[in-house]
Amino acid sequence: MFAIHNTFPKEMAVIGRLLVDYGELEVDLMNCVQVARAFDLNGTLKAMFRVRGETNRIDVADGLGRIAYVVANLDVEFDGIILPYGNA
């Protein structure tokens, strides 16, 4: 353990939770997109995780899921999730 762990234990705990939970957020986004794509888990998984970097994955998720969410009249909700993080 480094000295900084003892100096800022609360902050280190928050950073640790963020790092661990971030992967879950990407998987949650993938699940939202694959359900909108008629449960195409295989295609969605391969497309989203083929690219490196979270912004690229968000952009791919946007491209894969936008039409389905617009058709379902959920584009405002989809934008609320995608736009703050992606390049759309």
N, C-alpha and C. Protein backbone atom coordinates (compact mmCIF):
# COMPACT_ATOMS: atom_id res chain seq x y z
N MET A 1 0.83 -1.18 0.00
CA MET A 1 0.00 0.00 0.00
C MET A 1 0.88 1.24 0.00
N PHE A 2 0.40 2.26 -0.68
CA PHE A 2 1.13 3.52 -0.75
C PHE A 2 0.69 4.43 0.39
N ALA A 3 1.53 5.40 0.72
CA ALA A 3 1.22 6.33 1.81
C ALA A 3 -0.06 7.11 1.55
N ILE A 4 -0.35 7.38 0.29
CA ILE A 4 -1.55 8.15 -0.04
C ILE A 4 -2.82 7.41 0.37
N HIS A 5 -2.77 6.09 0.39
CA HIS A 5 -3.94 5.32 0.81
C HIS A 5 -4.30 5.61 2.26
N ASN A 6 -3.31 5.81 3.09
CA ASN A 6 -3.57 6.14 4.49
C ASN A 6 -3.93 7.60 4.67
N THR A 7 -3.43 8.46 3.80
CA THR A 7 -3.69 9.90 3.92
C THR A 7 -5.11 10.24 3.50
N PHE A 8 -5.61 9.60 2.46
CA PHE A 8 -6.94 9.88 1.92
C PHE A 8 -7.76 8.60 1.78
N PRO A 9 -8.09 7.93 2.88
CA PRO A 9 -8.79 6.64 2.76
C PRO A 9 -10.20 6.75 2.18
N LYS A 10 -10.93 7.81 2.52
CA LYS A 10 -12.30 7.95 1.98
C LYS A 10 -12.27 8.20 0.48
N GLU A 11 -11.35 9.06 0.05
CA GLU A 11 -11.24 9.36 -1.36
C GLU A 11 -10.81 8.13 -2.15
N MET A 12 -9.90 7.36 -1.58
CA MET A 12 -9.45 6.14 -2.25
C MET A 12 -10.59 5.13 -2.39
N ALA A 13 -11.46 5.08 -1.41
CA ALA A 13 -12.60 4.17 -1.48
C ALA A 13 -13.56 4.59 -2.60
N VAL A 14 -13.78 5.89 -2.73
CA VAL A 14 -14.66 6.40 -3.79
C VAL A 14 -14.07 6.08 -5.16
N ILE A 15 -12.79 6.34 -5.33
CA ILE A 15 -12.13 6.06 -6.60
C ILE A 15 -12.20 4.56 -6.92
N GLY A 16 -12.00 3.74 -5.93
CA GLY A 16 -12.08 2.29 -6.14
C GLY A 16 -13.46 1.86 -6.59
N ARG A 17 -14.51 2.42 -5.97
CA ARG A 17 -15.88 2.08 -6.37
C ARG A 17 -16.16 2.54 -7.79
N LEU A 18 -15.68 3.73 -8.16
CA LEU A 18 -15.89 4.22 -9.52
C LEU A 18 -15.23 3.30 -10.54
N LEU A 19 -14.02 2.89 -10.26
CA LEU A 19 -13.31 2.02 -11.19
C LEU A 19 -14.00 0.67 -11.35
N VAL A 20 -14.48 0.13 -10.25
CA VAL A 20 -15.14 -1.17 -10.30
C VAL A 20 -16.51 -1.07 -10.97
N ASP A 21 -17.25 -0.02 -10.68
CA ASP A 21 -18.61 0.11 -11.19
C ASP A 21 -18.68 0.56 -12.64
N TYR A 22 -17.61 1.15 -13.17
CA TYR A 22 -17.69 1.67 -14.54
C TYR A 22 -17.97 0.56 -15.54
N GLY A 23 -17.35 -0.58 -15.37
CA GLY A 23 -17.61 -1.70 -16.27
C GLY A 23 -19.06 -2.12 -16.25
N GLU A 24 -19.70 -2.05 -15.09
CA GLU A 24 -21.11 -2.39 -15.00
C GLU A 24 -21.97 -1.41 -15.79
N LEU A 25 -21.59 -0.14 -15.81
CA LEU A 25 -22.34 0.85 -16.57
C LEU A 25 -22.27 0.55 -18.07
N GLU A 26 -21.10 0.15 -18.55
CA GLU A 26 -20.97 -0.20 -19.96
C GLU A 26 -21.83 -1.42 -20.30
N VAL A 27 -21.86 -2.39 -19.43
CA VAL A 27 -22.69 -3.58 -19.66
C VAL A 27 -24.17 -3.22 -19.61
N ASP A 28 -24.55 -2.33 -18.70
CA ASP A 28 -25.95 -1.88 -18.64
C ASP A 28 -26.36 -1.18 -19.94
N LEU A 29 -25.47 -0.33 -20.46
CA LEU A 29 -25.76 0.35 -21.72
C LEU A 29 -25.89 -0.68 -22.84
N MET A 30 -25.00 -1.65 -22.88
CA MET A 30 -25.07 -2.69 -23.90
C MET A 30 -26.40 -3.44 -23.82
N ASN A 31 -26.85 -3.73 -22.61
CA ASN A 31 -28.13 -4.44 -22.45
C ASN A 31 -29.31 -3.60 -22.93
N CYS A 32 -29.28 -2.30 -22.65
CA CYS A 32 -30.35 -1.43 -23.14
C CYS A 32 -30.40 -1.42 -24.66
N VAL A 33 -29.24 -1.37 -25.28
CA VAL A 33 -29.19 -1.33 -26.74
C VAL A 33 -29.59 -2.68 -27.33
N GLN A 34 -29.13 -3.78 -26.74
CA GLN A 34 -29.45 -5.08 -27.33
C GLN A 34 -30.92 -5.42 -27.19
N VAL A 35 -31.57 -4.96 -26.15
CA VAL A 35 -33.02 -5.19 -26.02
C VAL A 35 -33.76 -4.40 -27.10
N ALA A 36 -33.32 -3.17 -27.34
CA ALA A 36 -33.96 -2.35 -28.37
C ALA A 36 -33.72 -2.92 -29.76
N ARG A 37 -32.67 -3.71 -29.92
CA ARG A 37 -32.34 -4.34 -31.21
C ARG A 37 -32.88 -5.77 -31.29
N ALA A 38 -34.02 -6.00 -30.71
CA ALA A 38 -34.67 -7.31 -30.74
C ALA A 38 -33.81 -8.38 -30.08
N PHE A 39 -33.21 -8.02 -28.97
CA PHE A 39 -32.41 -8.94 -28.15
C PHE A 39 -31.22 -9.52 -28.91
N ASP A 40 -30.58 -8.69 -29.72
CA ASP A 40 -29.39 -9.12 -30.47
C ASP A 40 -28.15 -8.92 -29.60
N LEU A 41 -28.00 -9.76 -28.61
CA LEU A 41 -26.87 -9.65 -27.69
C LEU A 41 -25.54 -9.88 -28.41
N ASN A 42 -25.47 -10.89 -29.25
CA ASN A 42 -24.22 -11.22 -29.93
C ASN A 42 -23.71 -10.06 -30.78
N GLY A 43 -24.56 -9.52 -31.63
CA GLY A 43 -24.15 -8.42 -32.50
C GLY A 43 -23.82 -7.15 -31.73
N THR A 44 -24.62 -6.84 -30.71
CA THR A 44 -24.39 -5.64 -29.92
C THR A 44 -23.09 -5.75 -29.12
N LEU A 45 -22.89 -6.88 -28.50
CA LEU A 45 -21.67 -7.10 -27.72
C LEU A 45 -20.43 -6.97 -28.59
N LYS A 46 -20.44 -7.63 -29.74
CA LYS A 46 -19.27 -7.59 -30.62
C LYS A 46 -19.01 -6.19 -31.15
N ALA A 47 -20.06 -5.48 -31.50
CA ALA A 47 -19.88 -4.14 -32.06
C ALA A 47 -19.38 -3.15 -31.00
N MET A 48 -19.97 -3.20 -29.82
CA MET A 48 -19.60 -2.22 -28.79
C MET A 48 -18.21 -2.47 -28.23
N PHE A 49 -17.84 -3.70 -28.04
CA PHE A 49 -16.57 -3.99 -27.38
C PHE A 49 -15.44 -4.30 -28.37
N ARG A 50 -15.71 -4.11 -29.65
CA ARG A 50 -14.65 -4.21 -30.66
C ARG A 50 -13.73 -3.00 -30.57
N VAL A 51 -14.31 -1.86 -30.22
CA VAL A 51 -13.55 -0.61 -30.13
C VAL A 51 -13.01 -0.41 -28.72
N ARG A 52 -11.94 0.35 -28.62
CA ARG A 52 -11.36 0.67 -27.31
C ARG A 52 -11.82 2.05 -26.89
N GLY A 53 -12.00 2.22 -25.60
CA GLY A 53 -12.33 3.52 -25.04
C GLY A 53 -13.82 3.70 -24.83
N GLU A 54 -14.14 4.33 -23.72
CA GLU A 54 -15.55 4.47 -23.36
C GLU A 54 -16.31 5.40 -24.30
N THR A 55 -15.69 6.48 -24.77
CA THR A 55 -16.40 7.38 -25.68
C THR A 55 -16.72 6.68 -26.98
N ASN A 56 -15.79 5.89 -27.48
CA ASN A 56 -16.05 5.13 -28.72
C ASN A 56 -17.18 4.14 -28.51
N ARG A 57 -17.22 3.48 -27.36
CA ARG A 57 -18.31 2.52 -27.09
C ARG A 57 -19.65 3.22 -27.00
N ILE A 58 -19.67 4.38 -26.38
CA ILE A 58 -20.92 5.14 -26.29
C ILE A 58 -21.38 5.56 -27.68
N ASP A 59 -20.44 5.97 -28.52
CA ASP A 59 -20.80 6.35 -29.89
C ASP A 59 -21.35 5.16 -30.67
N VAL A 60 -20.76 4.00 -30.51
CA VAL A 60 -21.26 2.79 -31.17
C VAL A 60 -22.65 2.45 -30.64
N ALA A 61 -22.84 2.52 -29.33
CA ALA A 61 -24.15 2.24 -28.74
C ALA A 61 -25.20 3.21 -29.28
N ASP A 62 -24.81 4.46 -29.44
CA ASP A 62 -25.72 5.46 -30.00
C ASP A 62 -26.12 5.07 -31.42
N GLY A 63 -25.16 4.70 -32.22
CA GLY A 63 -25.45 4.30 -33.60
C GLY A 63 -26.31 3.05 -33.69
N LEU A 64 -26.08 2.12 -32.79
CA LEU A 64 -26.84 0.87 -32.82
C LEU A 64 -28.26 1.02 -32.29
N GLY A 65 -28.44 1.86 -31.29
CA GLY A 65 -29.72 1.91 -30.60
C GLY A 65 -30.64 3.06 -30.92
N ARG A 66 -30.12 4.13 -31.52
CA ARG A 66 -30.91 5.35 -31.70
C ARG A 66 -32.21 5.11 -32.48
N ILE A 67 -32.14 4.44 -33.60
CA ILE A 67 -33.35 4.25 -34.42
C ILE A 67 -34.43 3.49 -33.66
N ALA A 68 -34.04 2.44 -32.96
CA ALA A 68 -35.01 1.66 -32.20
C ALA A 68 -35.66 2.49 -31.10
N TYR A 69 -34.88 3.34 -30.45
CA TYR A 69 -35.45 4.18 -29.40
C TYR A 69 -36.33 5.29 -29.97
N VAL A 70 -36.00 5.81 -31.13
CA VAL A 70 -36.85 6.81 -31.78
C VAL A 70 -38.18 6.18 -32.17
N VAL A 71 -38.13 4.99 -32.76
CA VAL A 71 -39.35 4.28 -33.16
C VAL A 71 -40.23 4.00 -31.94
N ALA A 72 -39.62 3.69 -30.81
CA ALA A 72 -40.38 3.41 -29.58
C ALA A 72 -40.78 4.69 -28.86
N ASN A 73 -40.50 5.84 -29.47
CA ASN A 73 -40.81 7.14 -28.88
C ASN A 73 -40.09 7.36 -27.54
N LEU A 74 -38.87 6.84 -27.45
CA LEU A 74 -38.05 7.00 -26.25
C LEU A 74 -36.77 7.77 -26.56
N ASP A 75 -36.80 8.56 -27.62
CA ASP A 75 -35.58 9.27 -28.02
C ASP A 75 -35.14 10.30 -27.00
N VAL A 76 -36.07 10.94 -26.31
CA VAL A 76 -35.69 11.93 -25.29
C VAL A 76 -34.95 11.24 -24.15
N GLU A 77 -35.45 10.11 -23.72
CA GLU A 77 -34.79 9.36 -22.65
C GLU A 77 -33.42 8.84 -23.11
N PHE A 78 -33.34 8.37 -24.34
CA PHE A 78 -32.08 7.88 -24.89
C PHE A 78 -31.07 9.01 -24.98
N ASP A 79 -31.51 10.17 -25.44
CA ASP A 79 -30.63 11.34 -25.50
C ASP A 79 -30.13 11.74 -24.12
N GLY A 80 -30.98 11.60 -23.12
CA GLY A 80 -30.59 11.95 -21.75
C GLY A 80 -29.44 11.11 -21.24
N ILE A 81 -29.33 9.90 -21.75
CA ILE A 81 -28.24 9.01 -21.35
C ILE A 81 -27.02 9.19 -22.24
N ILE A 82 -27.22 9.26 -23.54
CA ILE A 82 -26.11 9.24 -24.50
C ILE A 82 -25.44 10.60 -24.65
N LEU A 83 -26.19 11.65 -24.83
CA LEU A 83 -25.61 12.94 -25.21
C LEU A 83 -24.61 13.52 -24.21
N PRO A 84 -24.83 13.38 -22.90
CA PRO A 84 -23.82 13.96 -21.99
C PRO A 84 -22.45 13.30 -22.10
N TYR A 85 -22.36 12.11 -22.65
CA TYR A 85 -21.11 11.34 -22.64
C TYR A 85 -20.52 11.10 -24.01
N GLY A 86 -21.34 11.04 -25.04
CA GLY A 86 -20.83 10.70 -26.37
C GLY A 86 -20.53 11.93 -27.19
N ASN A 87 -20.27 11.70 -28.46
CA ASN A 87 -19.95 12.77 -29.39
C ASN A 87 -21.11 13.09 -30.31
N ALA A 88 -22.28 12.56 -30.01
CA ALA A 88 -23.44 12.74 -30.91
C ALA A 88 -23.92 14.17 -30.92
